Protein backbone atom coordinates (compact mmCIF):
# COMPACT_ATOMS: atom_id res chain seq x y z
CA MET A 1 6.90 47.52 -108.85
CA ASP A 2 10.22 46.20 -107.62
CA PHE A 3 11.17 43.13 -105.43
CA TYR A 4 14.07 43.08 -103.00
CA VAL A 5 15.16 40.22 -101.57
CA GLY A 6 17.91 40.56 -98.17
CA GLY A 7 18.10 44.69 -99.99
CA LYS A 8 19.37 43.06 -103.04
CA LEU A 9 17.38 43.75 -106.58
CA LYS A 10 15.56 40.24 -107.78
CA LEU A 11 13.07 41.35 -109.62
CA GLU A 12 12.20 44.49 -111.91
CA SER A 13 8.47 45.52 -112.97
CA ALA A 14 7.50 42.80 -110.85
CA VAL A 15 3.79 41.88 -110.94
CA MET A 16 1.73 40.31 -107.85
CA VAL A 17 -0.60 37.74 -107.93
CA ARG A 18 -2.61 35.43 -104.81
CA ASN A 19 -2.34 32.13 -105.23
CA GLY A 20 -4.09 30.71 -101.99
CA ASN A 21 -2.69 31.26 -98.86
CA ALA A 22 0.44 32.83 -100.91
CA LEU A 23 1.70 35.50 -103.02
CA GLN A 24 3.36 35.02 -106.22
CA PHE A 25 5.66 37.36 -107.94
CA THR A 26 6.90 37.68 -111.73
CA GLY A 27 9.30 39.89 -113.16
CA LYS A 28 12.38 40.53 -114.81
CA GLU A 29 15.84 39.05 -113.25
CA THR A 30 18.83 40.79 -114.18
CA LYS A 31 22.12 38.81 -114.83
CA GLY A 32 25.62 40.26 -114.91
CA THR A 33 27.75 38.85 -117.81
CA PRO A 34 31.39 39.37 -118.30
CA LEU A 35 30.83 42.71 -120.60
CA SER A 36 28.11 44.15 -117.96
CA MET A 37 30.07 47.19 -117.99
CA LEU A 38 29.93 47.67 -121.19
CA GLY A 39 25.93 47.32 -120.52
CA PHE A 40 24.96 43.72 -122.10
CA ASN A 41 23.35 41.74 -119.32
CA LEU A 42 20.69 39.22 -119.61
CA GLU A 43 17.30 39.11 -118.59
CA GLU A 44 14.74 36.54 -117.70
CA THR A 45 11.28 36.30 -116.91
CA ILE A 46 10.78 34.43 -113.63
CA THR A 47 8.32 33.78 -110.87
CA VAL A 48 8.94 33.64 -107.11
CA GLY A 49 6.53 32.94 -104.71
CA ALA A 50 5.99 33.78 -100.54
CA THR A 51 3.92 32.27 -98.45
CA PRO A 52 3.21 34.29 -95.01
CA ARG A 53 3.01 33.18 -91.57
CA ASP A 54 0.00 35.02 -90.78
CA PRO A 55 -2.89 34.37 -94.26
CA ALA A 56 -4.41 37.29 -92.86
CA ASP A 57 -1.01 39.23 -94.34
CA VAL A 58 -2.12 37.78 -97.82
CA ASP A 59 -5.20 39.83 -98.03
CA LYS A 60 -3.11 43.20 -96.62
CA ALA A 61 -0.47 43.23 -99.33
CA MET A 62 -3.59 42.24 -102.09
CA GLU A 63 -5.36 45.97 -100.87
CA LEU A 64 -1.88 47.72 -102.60
CA VAL A 65 -2.27 46.50 -105.83
């Protein structure tokens, strides 16, 4: 899945896993460079986490995978 934050693409081809009452997303983050107009970007694999206010939302999210 692609993971967006504030309407901006944060992670491409992310994998979601449960970690207790939190969700972890691991995927590729693309960073622009001065040569981005030529198609040269840097990619880094990162992991970000999210903890919903309601733990039941973690169960609902995991039902989607």
